[in-house]
Amino acid sequence: MPNLRVNNDTVLRLPEFSHAVIAGETIYVSGMIGASPGFTEPVAGGVGAETTCAFRNIELILAECGATLADIVRVNVYLTDMQAFAEMNEAYSAVMGSTPPARITVGCNALALGALVELECIAHLDTVPE
């Protein structure tokens, strides 16, 4: 079965990438920033608000794939200011709960559109879409 490219029209996307690719039972979600639908810049409120919004975007994309946040097995977090780690972590924990997936947080100099945080993830599907 060929890989399936998935996009959600309500989530910001540049034409150079798909929101997600389903390969077998694995969903690879592209890096998501905390931008609201229709906006081309991150939401106001800092790292915590951006983290929460990025997860909401990921949730919409996973729904298009037939999955939920509970199906995430790994998250990569890119953070422009490691001094904001606690704020990001608080928002992250509020979404992912007490049984979070594997994760790495990487400090970086800058992100697209001036975002403070970007999240990408890998999720598992119980059944492969046809």
C-alpha atoms as a PDB file:
ATOM      1  CA  MET A   1       0.000   0.000   0.000  1.00  0.00           C
ATOM      2  CA  PRO A   2       1.412   3.440  -0.868  1.00  0.00           C
ATOM      3  CA  ASN A   3       1.957   6.082   1.778  1.00  0.00           C
ATOM      4  CA  LEU A   4      -1.073   8.309   2.357  1.00  0.00           C
ATOM      5  CA  ARG A   5      -0.640  12.092   2.591  1.00  0.00           C
ATOM      6  CA  VAL A   6      -3.143  13.760   4.912  1.00  0.00           C
ATOM      7  CA  ASN A   7      -4.033  17.443   5.278  1.00  0.00           C
ATOM      8  CA  ASN A   8      -6.627  19.298   7.320  1.00  0.00           C
ATOM      9  CA  ASP A   9      -7.929  22.470   5.678  1.00  0.00           C
ATOM     10  CA  THR A  10      -8.455  24.195   9.035  1.00  0.00           C
ATOM     11  CA  VAL A  11      -4.772  23.993  10.044  1.00  0.00           C
ATOM     12  CA  LEU A  12      -2.086  26.338   8.715  1.00  0.00           C
ATOM     13  CA  ARG A  13       0.091  24.619   6.088  1.00  0.00           C
ATOM     14  CA  LEU A  14       2.707  25.674   3.621  1.00  0.00           C
ATOM     15  CA  PRO A  15       2.484  23.953   0.226  1.00  0.00           C
ATOM     16  CA  GLU A  16       5.928  22.373   0.687  1.00  0.00           C
ATOM     17  CA  PHE A  17       4.724  19.705   3.128  1.00  0.00           C
ATOM     18  CA  SER A  18       1.773  17.534   4.102  1.00  0.00           C
ATOM     19  CA  HIS A  19       0.385  17.746   7.616  1.00  0.00           C
ATOM     20  CA  ALA A  20       0.897  14.025   8.043  1.00  0.00           C
ATOM     21  CA  VAL A  21       1.926  10.905   6.197  1.00  0.00           C
ATOM     22  CA  ILE A  22       0.526   7.501   7.068  1.00  0.00           C
ATOM     23  CA  ALA A  23       2.996   4.706   6.332  1.00  0.00           C
ATOM     24  CA  GLY A  24       1.568   1.346   7.318  1.00  0.00           C
ATOM     25  CA  GLU A  25       0.379   1.655  10.918  1.00  0.00           C
ATOM     26  CA  THR A  26       2.497   4.743  11.637  1.00  0.00           C
ATOM     27  CA  ILE A  27       1.457   8.401  11.360  1.00  0.00           C
ATOM     28  CA  TYR A  28       4.218  10.977  10.965  1.00  0.00           C
ATOM     29  CA  VAL A  29       2.894  14.441  11.820  1.00  0.00           C
ATOM     30  CA  SER A  30       4.883  17.397  10.493  1.00  0.00           C
ATOM     31  CA  GLY A  31       6.099  20.141  12.783  1.00  0.00           C
ATOM     32  CA  MET A  32       3.176  22.208  14.053  1.00  0.00           C
ATOM     33  CA  ILE A  33       3.292  25.660  15.536  1.00  0.00           C
ATOM     34  CA  GLY A  34       0.565  27.239  17.634  1.00  0.00           C
ATOM     35  CA  ALA A  35      -1.206  29.213  14.904  1.00  0.00           C
ATOM     36  CA  SER A  36      -4.991  29.437  14.860  1.00  0.00           C
ATOM     37  CA  PRO A  37      -6.911  28.576  11.682  1.00  0.00           C
ATOM     38  CA  GLY A  38      -6.645  31.340   9.104  1.00  0.00           C
ATOM     39  CA  PHE A  39      -3.771  33.114  10.848  1.00  0.00           C
ATOM     40  CA  THR A  40      -0.203  33.183   9.591  1.00  0.00           C
ATOM     41  CA  GLU A  41       1.400  33.943  12.928  1.00  0.00           C
ATOM     42  CA  PRO A  42       1.490  32.236  16.320  1.00  0.00           C
ATOM     43  CA  VAL A  43      -1.254  32.835  18.861  1.00  0.00           C
ATOM     44  CA  ALA A  44      -0.653  35.453  21.542  1.00  0.00           C
ATOM     45  CA  GLY A  45       0.174  34.438  25.089  1.00  0.00           C
ATOM     46  CA  GLY A  46       3.673  32.991  24.922  1.00  0.00           C
ATOM     47  CA  VAL A  47       5.096  29.495  24.943  1.00  0.00           C
ATOM     48  CA  GLY A  48       2.283  27.937  26.974  1.00  0.00           C
ATOM     49  CA  ALA A  49      -0.453  29.220  24.674  1.00  0.00           C
ATOM     50  CA  GLU A  50       1.522  28.225  21.586  1.00  0.00           C
ATOM     51  CA  THR A  51       2.126  24.720  22.960  1.00  0.00           C
ATOM     52  CA  THR A  52      -1.577  24.225  23.691  1.00  0.00           C
ATOM     53  CA  CYS A  53      -2.577  25.537  20.243  1.00  0.00           C
ATOM     54  CA  ALA A  54       0.027  23.360  18.502  1.00  0.00           C
ATOM     55  CA  PHE A  55      -1.452  20.311  20.235  1.00  0.00           C
ATOM     56  CA  ARG A  56      -4.953  21.327  19.117  1.00  0.00           C
ATOM     57  CA  ASN A  57      -3.662  21.479  15.534  1.00  0.00           C
ATOM     58  CA  ILE A  58      -2.051  18.060  15.943  1.00  0.00           C
ATOM     59  CA  GLU A  59      -5.328  16.740  17.365  1.00  0.00           C
ATOM     60  CA  LEU A  60      -7.195  17.931  14.244  1.00  0.00           C
ATOM     61  CA  ILE A  61      -4.614  16.333  11.959  1.00  0.00           C
ATOM     62  CA  LEU A  62      -4.659  13.044  13.867  1.00  0.00           C
ATOM     63  CA  ALA A  63      -8.469  13.005  13.646  1.00  0.00           C
ATOM     64  CA  GLU A  64      -8.141  13.238   9.833  1.00  0.00           C
ATOM     65  CA  CYS A  65      -5.932  10.149  10.093  1.00  0.00           C
ATOM     66  CA  GLY A  66      -8.363   8.235  12.309  1.00  0.00           C
ATOM     67  CA  ALA A  67      -6.287   8.677  15.472  1.00  0.00           C
ATOM     68  CA  THR A  68      -6.238  10.700  18.704  1.00  0.00           C
ATOM     69  CA  LEU A  69      -3.643  12.254  20.971  1.00  0.00           C
ATOM     70  CA  ALA A  70      -3.660   8.986  22.935  1.00  0.00           C
ATOM     71  CA  ASP A  71      -2.143   7.265  19.881  1.00  0.00           C
ATOM     72  CA  ILE A  72       1.014   9.418  19.985  1.00  0.00           C
ATOM     73  CA  VAL A  73       4.131   7.412  20.788  1.00  0.00           C
ATOM     74  CA  ARG A  74       6.785  10.143  20.470  1.00  0.00           C
ATOM     75  CA  VAL A  75       6.887  13.951  20.460  1.00  0.00           C
ATOM     76  CA  ASN A  76       9.780  16.165  19.418  1.00  0.00           C
ATOM     77  CA  VAL A  77       9.613  19.662  20.909  1.00  0.00           C
ATOM     78  CA  TYR A  78      11.644  22.537  19.454  1.00  0.00           C
ATOM     79  CA  LEU A  79      11.945  25.522  21.780  1.00  0.00           C
ATOM     80  CA  THR A  80      13.585  28.857  20.958  1.00  0.00           C
ATOM     81  CA  ASP A  81      14.251  29.695  24.614  1.00  0.00           C
ATOM     82  CA  MET A  82      15.141  26.905  27.010  1.00  0.00           C
ATOM     83  CA  GLN A  83      14.388  29.335  29.860  1.00  0.00           C
ATOM     84  CA  ALA A  84      10.730  28.803  28.872  1.00  0.00           C
ATOM     85  CA  PHE A  85      11.003  25.022  29.358  1.00  0.00           C
ATOM     86  CA  ALA A  86       8.853  25.001  32.521  1.00  0.00           C
ATOM     87  CA  GLU A  87       6.076  27.009  30.832  1.00  0.00           C
ATOM     88  CA  MET A  88       6.097  24.686  27.802  1.00  0.00           C
ATOM     89  CA  ASN A  89       6.215  21.637  30.054  1.00  0.00           C
ATOM     90  CA  GLU A  90       3.208  22.810  32.078  1.00  0.00           C
ATOM     91  CA  ALA A  91       1.102  23.244  28.922  1.00  0.00           C
ATOM     92  CA  TYR A  92       2.441  19.960  27.521  1.00  0.00           C
ATOM     93  CA  SER A  93       1.487  18.072  30.697  1.00  0.00           C
ATOM     94  CA  ALA A  94      -1.988  19.626  30.740  1.00  0.00           C
ATOM     95  CA  VAL A  95      -2.626  18.140  27.280  1.00  0.00           C
ATOM     96  CA  MET A  96      -0.747  14.833  27.487  1.00  0.00           C
ATOM     97  CA  GLY A  97      -1.686  13.940  31.058  1.00  0.00           C
ATOM     98  CA  SER A  98      -0.017  11.525  33.448  1.00  0.00           C
ATOM     99  CA  THR A  99       0.945   8.880  30.858  1.00  0.00           C
ATOM    100  CA  PRO A 100       2.805  10.888  28.220  1.00  0.00           C
ATOM    101  CA  PRO A 101       4.627   9.407  25.226  1.00  0.00           C
ATOM    102  CA  ALA A 102       8.378   9.420  24.679  1.00  0.00           C
ATOM    103  CA  ARG A 103       9.721  12.937  24.130  1.00  0.00           C
ATOM    104  CA  ILE A 104      12.740  15.069  23.409  1.00  0.00           C
ATOM    105  CA  THR A 105      13.018  18.838  23.776  1.00  0.00           C
ATOM    106  CA  VAL A 106      15.599  20.600  21.638  1.00  0.00           C
ATOM    107  CA  GLY A 107      16.672  24.218  21.957  1.00  0.00           C
ATOM    108  CA  CYS A 108      16.953  26.115  18.677  1.00  0.00           C
ATOM    109  CA  ASN A 109      17.679  29.639  17.475  1.00  0.00           C
ATOM    110  CA  ALA A 110      14.495  30.342  15.529  1.00  0.00           C
ATOM    111  CA  LEU A 111      11.324  28.761  14.154  1.00  0.00           C
ATOM    112  CA  ALA A 112       9.068  29.505  11.189  1.00  0.00           C
ATOM    113  CA  LEU A 113       6.809  32.551  11.450  1.00  0.00           C
ATOM    114  CA  GLY A 114       8.497  33.627  14.684  1.00  0.00           C
ATOM    115  CA  ALA A 115       7.008  30.767  16.701  1.00  0.00           C
ATOM    116  CA  LEU A 116       8.454  30.099  20.151  1.00  0.00           C
ATOM    117  CA  VAL A 117       7.721  26.368  20.077  1.00  0.00           C
ATOM    118  CA  GLU A 118       7.097  23.707  17.436  1.00  0.00           C
ATOM    119  CA  LEU A 119       5.911  20.126  17.961  1.00  0.00           C
ATOM    120  CA  GLU A 120       6.169  17.105  15.696  1.00  0.00           C
ATOM    121  CA  CYS A 121       5.028  13.626  16.558  1.00  0.00           C
ATOM    122  CA  ILE A 122       4.710  10.005  15.586  1.00  0.00           C
ATOM    123  CA  ALA A 123       1.499   8.112  16.308  1.00  0.00           C
ATOM    124  CA  HIS A 124       0.362   4.514  15.889  1.00  0.00           C
ATOM    125  CA  LEU A 125      -2.813   3.334  14.167  1.00  0.00           C
ATOM    126  CA  ASP A 126      -4.502   0.116  15.218  1.00  0.00           C
ATOM    127  CA  THR A 127      -5.768  -0.403  11.665  1.00  0.00           C
ATOM    128  CA  VAL A 128      -4.329   0.782   8.365  1.00  0.00           C
ATOM    129  CA  PRO A 129      -6.683   3.037   6.364  1.00  0.00           C
ATOM    130  CA  GLU A 130      -7.726   1.733   2.955  1.00  0.00           C
END
